[in-house]
Amino acid sequence: MLQKKKSIKTITFAVQDATNLTYKSKSFDVVIISNALHIMPEPQKTLVNIARVLKDDGILIAPTFTRNGNFMRE
């Protein structure tokens, strides 16, 4: 039996300068920035901006994959 998928209307996707996010403070439950922090000239500035837009109990998901593999496997 097939189940009908529910649509989610509260997801926002945008491409922005991570060091200068235009969103209100404490406006997101989750922020995902994938495979980017390690190549940014000012990753600390990005993390400050992400912390600003995340709600107090928000979650940051920031996976980083490199050519040398994942350090967690070693």
PDB file of N, CA and C in Angstrom:
ATOM      1  N   MET A   1       0.839  -1.172   0.000  1.00  0.00           N
ATOM      2  CA  MET A   1       0.000   0.000   0.000  1.00  0.00           C
ATOM      3  C   MET A   1       0.891   1.244   0.000  1.00  0.00           C
ATOM      4  N   LEU A   2       0.633   2.176  -0.881  1.00  0.00           N
ATOM      5  CA  LEU A   2       1.388   3.418  -0.962  1.00  0.00           C
ATOM      6  C   LEU A   2       0.826   4.442   0.009  1.00  0.00           C
ATOM      7  N   GLN A   3       1.719   5.150   0.648  1.00  0.00           N
ATOM      8  CA  GLN A   3       1.298   6.217   1.542  1.00  0.00           C
ATOM      9  C   GLN A   3       1.537   7.554   0.860  1.00  0.00           C
ATOM     10  N   LYS A   4       0.611   8.451   1.049  1.00  0.00           N
ATOM     11  CA  LYS A   4       0.759   9.784   0.488  1.00  0.00           C
ATOM     12  C   LYS A   4       1.793  10.553   1.308  1.00  0.00           C
ATOM     13  N   LYS A   5       2.751  11.165   0.620  1.00  0.00           N
ATOM     14  CA  LYS A   5       3.771  11.955   1.304  1.00  0.00           C
ATOM     15  C   LYS A   5       3.186  13.293   1.746  1.00  0.00           C
ATOM     16  N   LYS A   6       3.575  13.704   2.935  1.00  0.00           N
ATOM     17  CA  LYS A   6       3.146  15.004   3.433  1.00  0.00           C
ATOM     18  C   LYS A   6       4.087  16.069   2.892  1.00  0.00           C
ATOM     19  N   SER A   7       3.541  17.206   2.529  1.00  0.00           N
ATOM     20  CA  SER A   7       4.403  18.290   2.066  1.00  0.00           C
ATOM     21  C   SER A   7       4.815  19.142   3.266  1.00  0.00           C
ATOM     22  N   ILE A   8       6.031  19.611   3.213  1.00  0.00           N
ATOM     23  CA  ILE A   8       6.558  20.456   4.271  1.00  0.00           C
ATOM     24  C   ILE A   8       6.673  21.862   3.707  1.00  0.00           C
ATOM     25  N   LYS A   9       6.003  22.796   4.335  1.00  0.00           N
ATOM     26  CA  LYS A   9       5.964  24.158   3.813  1.00  0.00           C
ATOM     27  C   LYS A   9       6.879  25.105   4.565  1.00  0.00           C
ATOM     28  N   THR A  10       7.627  24.588   5.526  1.00  0.00           N
ATOM     29  CA  THR A  10       8.445  25.479   6.345  1.00  0.00           C
ATOM     30  C   THR A  10       9.939  25.324   6.073  1.00  0.00           C
ATOM     31  N   ILE A  11      10.301  24.742   4.957  1.00  0.00           N
ATOM     32  CA  ILE A  11      11.710  24.586   4.609  1.00  0.00           C
ATOM     33  C   ILE A  11      12.130  25.766   3.738  1.00  0.00           C
ATOM     34  N   THR A  12      13.269  26.364   4.083  1.00  0.00           N
ATOM     35  CA  THR A  12      13.819  27.462   3.300  1.00  0.00           C
ATOM     36  C   THR A  12      15.159  27.028   2.743  1.00  0.00           C
ATOM     37  N   PHE A  13      15.351  27.221   1.460  1.00  0.00           N
ATOM     38  CA  PHE A  13      16.641  26.947   0.829  1.00  0.00           C
ATOM     39  C   PHE A  13      17.103  28.234   0.169  1.00  0.00           C
ATOM     40  N   ALA A  14      18.351  28.615   0.437  1.00  0.00           N
ATOM     41  CA  ALA A  14      18.885  29.826  -0.167  1.00  0.00           C
ATOM     42  C   ALA A  14      20.390  29.716  -0.299  1.00  0.00           C
ATOM     43  N   VAL A  15      20.920  30.418  -1.285  1.00  0.00           N
ATOM     44  CA  VAL A  15      22.363  30.536  -1.437  1.00  0.00           C
ATOM     45  C   VAL A  15      22.697  31.980  -1.056  1.00  0.00           C
ATOM     46  N   GLN A  16      23.522  32.123  -0.010  1.00  0.00           N
ATOM     47  CA  GLN A  16      23.894  33.449   0.478  1.00  0.00           C
ATOM     48  C   GLN A  16      25.355  33.459   0.896  1.00  0.00           C
ATOM     49  N   ASP A  17      25.864  34.649   1.111  1.00  0.00           N
ATOM     50  CA  ASP A  17      27.186  34.814   1.688  1.00  0.00           C
ATOM     51  C   ASP A  17      27.084  34.398   3.151  1.00  0.00           C
ATOM     52  N   ALA A  18      27.731  33.317   3.515  1.00  0.00           N
ATOM     53  CA  ALA A  18      27.610  32.767   4.869  1.00  0.00           C
ATOM     54  C   ALA A  18      28.192  33.688   5.931  1.00  0.00           C
ATOM     55  N   THR A  19      29.030  34.636   5.532  1.00  0.00           N
ATOM     56  CA  THR A  19      29.589  35.572   6.503  1.00  0.00           C
ATOM     57  C   THR A  19      28.691  36.780   6.725  1.00  0.00           C
ATOM     58  N   ASN A  20      27.590  36.861   5.963  1.00  0.00           N
ATOM     59  CA  ASN A  20      26.691  38.014   6.060  1.00  0.00           C
ATOM     60  C   ASN A  20      25.252  37.576   5.792  1.00  0.00           C
ATOM     61  N   LEU A  21      24.727  36.693   6.621  1.00  0.00           N
ATOM     62  CA  LEU A  21      23.372  36.177   6.419  1.00  0.00           C
ATOM     63  C   LEU A  21      22.341  37.273   6.656  1.00  0.00           C
ATOM     64  N   THR A  22      21.296  37.291   5.830  1.00  0.00           N
ATOM     65  CA  THR A  22      20.298  38.370   5.881  1.00  0.00           C
ATOM     66  C   THR A  22      19.081  38.022   6.726  1.00  0.00           C
ATOM     67  N   TYR A  23      19.099  36.914   7.426  1.00  0.00           N
ATOM     68  CA  TYR A  23      17.942  36.480   8.204  1.00  0.00           C
ATOM     69  C   TYR A  23      17.937  37.099   9.603  1.00  0.00           C
ATOM     70  N   LYS A  24      16.738  37.145  10.189  1.00  0.00           N
ATOM     71  CA  LYS A  24      16.596  37.641  11.555  1.00  0.00           C
ATOM     72  C   LYS A  24      17.302  36.699  12.526  1.00  0.00           C
ATOM     73  N   SER A  25      17.745  37.226  13.637  1.00  0.00           N
ATOM     74  CA  SER A  25      18.365  36.418  14.677  1.00  0.00           C
ATOM     75  C   SER A  25      17.373  35.385  15.212  1.00  0.00           C
ATOM     76  N   LYS A  26      17.904  34.223  15.553  1.00  0.00           N
ATOM     77  CA  LYS A  26      17.135  33.123  16.147  1.00  0.00           C
ATOM     78  C   LYS A  26      15.922  32.730  15.294  1.00  0.00           C
ATOM     79  N   SER A  27      16.127  32.603  13.987  1.00  0.00           N
ATOM     80  CA  SER A  27      15.007  32.305  13.096  1.00  0.00           C
ATOM     81  C   SER A  27      15.021  30.894  12.517  1.00  0.00           C
ATOM     82  N   PHE A  28      16.066  30.087  12.794  1.00  0.00           N
ATOM     83  CA  PHE A  28      16.147  28.751  12.208  1.00  0.00           C
ATOM     84  C   PHE A  28      16.316  27.672  13.269  1.00  0.00           C
ATOM     85  N   ASP A  29      15.660  26.543  13.034  1.00  0.00           N
ATOM     86  CA  ASP A  29      15.828  25.361  13.875  1.00  0.00           C
ATOM     87  C   ASP A  29      17.090  24.596  13.487  1.00  0.00           C
ATOM     88  N   VAL A  30      17.401  24.581  12.200  1.00  0.00           N
ATOM     89  CA  VAL A  30      18.542  23.832  11.675  1.00  0.00           C
ATOM     90  C   VAL A  30      19.210  24.655  10.577  1.00  0.00           C
ATOM     91  N   VAL A  31      20.540  24.647  10.562  1.00  0.00           N
ATOM     92  CA  VAL A  31      21.313  25.225   9.470  1.00  0.00           C
ATOM     93  C   VAL A  31      22.248  24.137   8.966  1.00  0.00           C
ATOM     94  N   ILE A  32      22.284  23.970   7.651  1.00  0.00           N
ATOM     95  CA  ILE A  32      23.181  22.999   7.033  1.00  0.00           C
ATOM     96  C   ILE A  32      24.148  23.752   6.132  1.00  0.00           C
ATOM     97  N   ILE A  33      25.433  23.553   6.370  1.00  0.00           N
ATOM     98  CA  ILE A  33      26.468  24.106   5.503  1.00  0.00           C
ATOM     99  C   ILE A  33      27.430  22.955   5.236  1.00  0.00           C
ATOM    100  N   SER A  34      27.434  22.496   4.020  1.00  0.00           N
ATOM    101  CA  SER A  34      28.138  21.259   3.696  1.00  0.00           C
ATOM    102  C   SER A  34      29.398  21.510   2.884  1.00  0.00           C
ATOM    103  N   ASN A  35      30.490  20.924   3.344  1.00  0.00           N
ATOM    104  CA  ASN A  35      31.766  20.908   2.619  1.00  0.00           C
ATOM    105  C   ASN A  35      32.243  22.309   2.245  1.00  0.00           C
ATOM    106  N   ALA A  36      32.161  23.239   3.199  1.00  0.00           N
ATOM    107  CA  ALA A  36      32.523  24.613   2.886  1.00  0.00           C
ATOM    108  C   ALA A  36      33.431  25.277   3.916  1.00  0.00           C
ATOM    109  N   LEU A  37      33.252  25.009   5.186  1.00  0.00           N
ATOM    110  CA  LEU A  37      33.984  25.739   6.216  1.00  0.00           C
ATOM    111  C   LEU A  37      35.495  25.640   6.050  1.00  0.00           C
ATOM    112  N   HIS A  38      35.983  24.498   5.624  1.00  0.00           N
ATOM    113  CA  HIS A  38      37.429  24.299   5.516  1.00  0.00           C
ATOM    114  C   HIS A  38      38.075  25.076   4.366  1.00  0.00           C
ATOM    115  N   ILE A  39      37.283  25.620   3.452  1.00  0.00           N
ATOM    116  CA  ILE A  39      37.846  26.378   2.333  1.00  0.00           C
ATOM    117  C   ILE A  39      37.560  27.875   2.428  1.00  0.00           C
ATOM    118  N   MET A  40      36.868  28.290   3.477  1.00  0.00           N
ATOM    119  CA  MET A  40      36.530  29.711   3.644  1.00  0.00           C
ATOM    120  C   MET A  40      37.693  30.468   4.271  1.00  0.00           C
ATOM    121  N   PRO A  41      37.929  31.713   3.813  1.00  0.00           N
ATOM    122  CA  PRO A  41      39.009  32.493   4.407  1.00  0.00           C
ATOM    123  C   PRO A  41      38.741  32.884   5.860  1.00  0.00           C
ATOM    124  N   GLU A  42      37.448  33.035   6.230  1.00  0.00           N
ATOM    125  CA  GLU A  42      37.080  33.426   7.595  1.00  0.00           C
ATOM    126  C   GLU A  42      35.978  32.509   8.138  1.00  0.00           C
ATOM    127  N   PRO A  43      36.280  31.242   8.410  1.00  0.00           N
ATOM    128  CA  PRO A  43      35.229  30.338   8.890  1.00  0.00           C
ATOM    129  C   PRO A  43      34.637  30.773  10.234  1.00  0.00           C
ATOM    130  N   GLN A  44      35.414  31.454  11.063  1.00  0.00           N
ATOM    131  CA  GLN A  44      34.898  31.911  12.348  1.00  0.00           C
ATOM    132  C   GLN A  44      33.764  32.919  12.159  1.00  0.00           C
ATOM    133  N   LYS A  45      33.900  33.793  11.182  1.00  0.00           N
ATOM    134  CA  LYS A  45      32.857  34.779  10.890  1.00  0.00           C
ATOM    135  C   LYS A  45      31.575  34.078  10.438  1.00  0.00           C
ATOM    136  N   THR A  46      31.731  33.026   9.667  1.00  0.00           N
ATOM    137  CA  THR A  46      30.581  32.233   9.231  1.00  0.00           C
ATOM    138  C   THR A  46      29.887  31.586  10.431  1.00  0.00           C
ATOM    139  N   LEU A  47      30.667  30.993  11.328  1.00  0.00           N
ATOM    140  CA  LEU A  47      30.091  30.330  12.495  1.00  0.00           C
ATOM    141  C   LEU A  47      29.380  31.317  13.413  1.00  0.00           C
ATOM    142  N   VAL A  48      29.886  32.525  13.533  1.00  0.00           N
ATOM    143  CA  VAL A  48      29.220  33.560  14.330  1.00  0.00           C
ATOM    144  C   VAL A  48      27.860  33.893  13.715  1.00  0.00           C
ATOM    145  N   ASN A  49      27.811  34.027  12.387  1.00  0.00           N
ATOM    146  CA  ASN A  49      26.552  34.323  11.709  1.00  0.00           C
ATOM    147  C   ASN A  49      25.558  33.184  11.839  1.00  0.00           C
ATOM    148  N   ILE A  50      26.044  31.956  11.718  1.00  0.00           N
ATOM    149  CA  ILE A  50      25.155  30.803  11.869  1.00  0.00           C
ATOM    150  C   ILE A  50      24.605  30.755  13.290  1.00  0.00           C
ATOM    151  N   ALA A  51      25.450  30.975  14.272  1.00  0.00           N
ATOM    152  CA  ALA A  51      24.992  30.981  15.669  1.00  0.00           C
ATOM    153  C   ALA A  51      23.936  32.057  15.887  1.00  0.00           C
ATOM    154  N   ARG A  52      24.074  33.181  15.218  1.00  0.00           N
ATOM    155  CA  ARG A  52      23.109  34.269  15.348  1.00  0.00           C
ATOM    156  C   ARG A  52      21.727  33.884  14.821  1.00  0.00           C
ATOM    157  N   VAL A  53      21.680  33.196  13.672  1.00  0.00           N
ATOM    158  CA  VAL A  53      20.374  32.884  13.071  1.00  0.00           C
ATOM    159  C   VAL A  53      19.746  31.610  13.636  1.00  0.00           C
ATOM    160  N   LEU A  54      20.533  30.796  14.347  1.00  0.00           N
ATOM    161  CA  LEU A  54      19.978  29.577  14.955  1.00  0.00           C
ATOM    162  C   LEU A  54      19.216  29.908  16.224  1.00  0.00           C
ATOM    163  N   LYS A  55      18.107  29.222  16.428  1.00  0.00           N
ATOM    164  CA  LYS A  55      17.392  29.326  17.700  1.00  0.00           C
ATOM    165  C   LYS A  55      18.273  28.754  18.802  1.00  0.00           C
ATOM    166  N   ASP A  56      17.950  29.067  20.049  1.00  0.00           N
ATOM    167  CA  ASP A  56      18.775  28.632  21.173  1.00  0.00           C
ATOM    168  C   ASP A  56      18.980  27.120  21.211  1.00  0.00           C
ATOM    169  N   ASP A  57      17.984  26.366  20.798  1.00  0.00           N
ATOM    170  CA  ASP A  57      18.109  24.905  20.775  1.00  0.00           C
ATOM    171  C   ASP A  57      18.328  24.385  19.349  1.00  0.00           C
ATOM    172  N   GLY A  58      18.811  25.258  18.474  1.00  0.00           N
ATOM    173  CA  GLY A  58      19.014  24.914  17.068  1.00  0.00           C
ATOM    174  C   GLY A  58      20.178  23.960  16.854  1.00  0.00           C
ATOM    175  N   ILE A  59      20.217  23.396  15.658  1.00  0.00           N
ATOM    176  CA  ILE A  59      21.225  22.405  15.297  1.00  0.00           C
ATOM    177  C   ILE A  59      21.992  22.878  14.070  1.00  0.00           C
ATOM    178  N   LEU A  60      23.314  22.800  14.148  1.00  0.00           N
ATOM    179  CA  LEU A  60      24.168  23.065  12.999  1.00  0.00           C
ATOM    180  C   LEU A  60      24.649  21.727  12.458  1.00  0.00           C
ATOM    181  N   ILE A  61      24.435  21.506  11.177  1.00  0.00           N
ATOM    182  CA  ILE A  61      24.941  20.314  10.487  1.00  0.00           C
ATOM    183  C   ILE A  61      25.977  20.819   9.486  1.00  0.00           C
ATOM    184  N   ALA A  62      27.251  20.431   9.703  1.00  0.00           N
ATOM    185  CA  ALA A  62      28.336  20.947   8.865  1.00  0.00           C
ATOM    186  C   ALA A  62      29.307  19.838   8.477  1.00  0.00           C
ATOM    187  N   PRO A  63      28.859  18.881   7.665  1.00  0.00           N
ATOM    188  CA  PRO A  63      29.784  17.815   7.251  1.00  0.00           C
ATOM    189  C   PRO A  63      30.859  18.368   6.317  1.00  0.00           C
ATOM    190  N   THR A  64      32.055  17.856   6.483  1.00  0.00           N
ATOM    191  CA  THR A  64      33.166  18.241   5.615  1.00  0.00           C
ATOM    192  C   THR A  64      33.876  16.982   5.149  1.00  0.00           C
ATOM    193  N   PHE A  65      33.911  16.804   3.861  1.00  0.00           N
ATOM    194  CA  PHE A  65      34.571  15.653   3.261  1.00  0.00           C
ATOM    195  C   PHE A  65      35.789  16.157   2.510  1.00  0.00           C
ATOM    196  N   THR A  66      36.904  15.523   2.723  1.00  0.00           N
ATOM    197  CA  THR A  66      38.124  15.939   2.040  1.00  0.00           C
ATOM    198  C   THR A  66      38.669  14.780   1.216  1.00  0.00           C
ATOM    199  N   ARG A  67      39.607  15.085   0.372  1.00  0.00           N
ATOM    200  CA  ARG A  67      40.197  14.063  -0.490  1.00  0.00           C
ATOM    201  C   ARG A  67      40.903  12.986   0.305  1.00  0.00           C
ATOM    202  N   ASN A  68      41.409  13.306   1.470  1.00  0.00           N
ATOM    203  CA  ASN A  68      42.128  12.351   2.283  1.00  0.00           C
ATOM    204  C   ASN A  68      41.211  11.481   3.143  1.00  0.00           C
ATOM    205  N   GLY A  69      39.928  11.680   3.029  1.00  0.00           N
ATOM    206  CA  GLY A  69      38.986  10.855   3.780  1.00  0.00           C
ATOM    207  C   GLY A  69      38.524  11.512   5.066  1.00  0.00           C
ATOM    208  N   ASN A  70      37.727  10.794   5.763  1.00  0.00           N
ATOM    209  CA  ASN A  70      37.133  11.259   7.003  1.00  0.00           C
ATOM    210  C   ASN A  70      38.035  10.867   8.164  1.00  0.00           C
ATOM    211  N   PHE A  71      38.457  11.829   8.978  1.00  0.00           N
ATOM    212  CA  PHE A  71      39.357  11.529  10.080  1.00  0.00           C
ATOM    213  C   PHE A  71      38.729  10.610  11.109  1.00  0.00           C
ATOM    214  N   MET A  72      37.407  10.531  11.140  1.00  0.00           N
ATOM    215  CA  MET A  72      36.725   9.685  12.124  1.00  0.00           C
ATOM    216  C   MET A  72      36.959   8.207  11.857  1.00  0.00           C
ATOM    217  N   ARG A  73      37.310   7.844  10.639  1.00  0.00           N
ATOM    218  CA  ARG A  73      37.543   6.438  10.302  1.00  0.00           C
ATOM    219  C   ARG A  73      38.903   5.948  10.748  1.00  0.00           C
ATOM    220  N   GLU A  74      39.809   6.847  11.003  1.00  0.00           N
ATOM    221  CA  GLU A  74      41.187   6.459  11.355  1.00  0.00           C
ATOM    222  C   GLU A  74      41.327   6.175  12.825  1.00  0.00           C
TER     223      GLU A  74
END
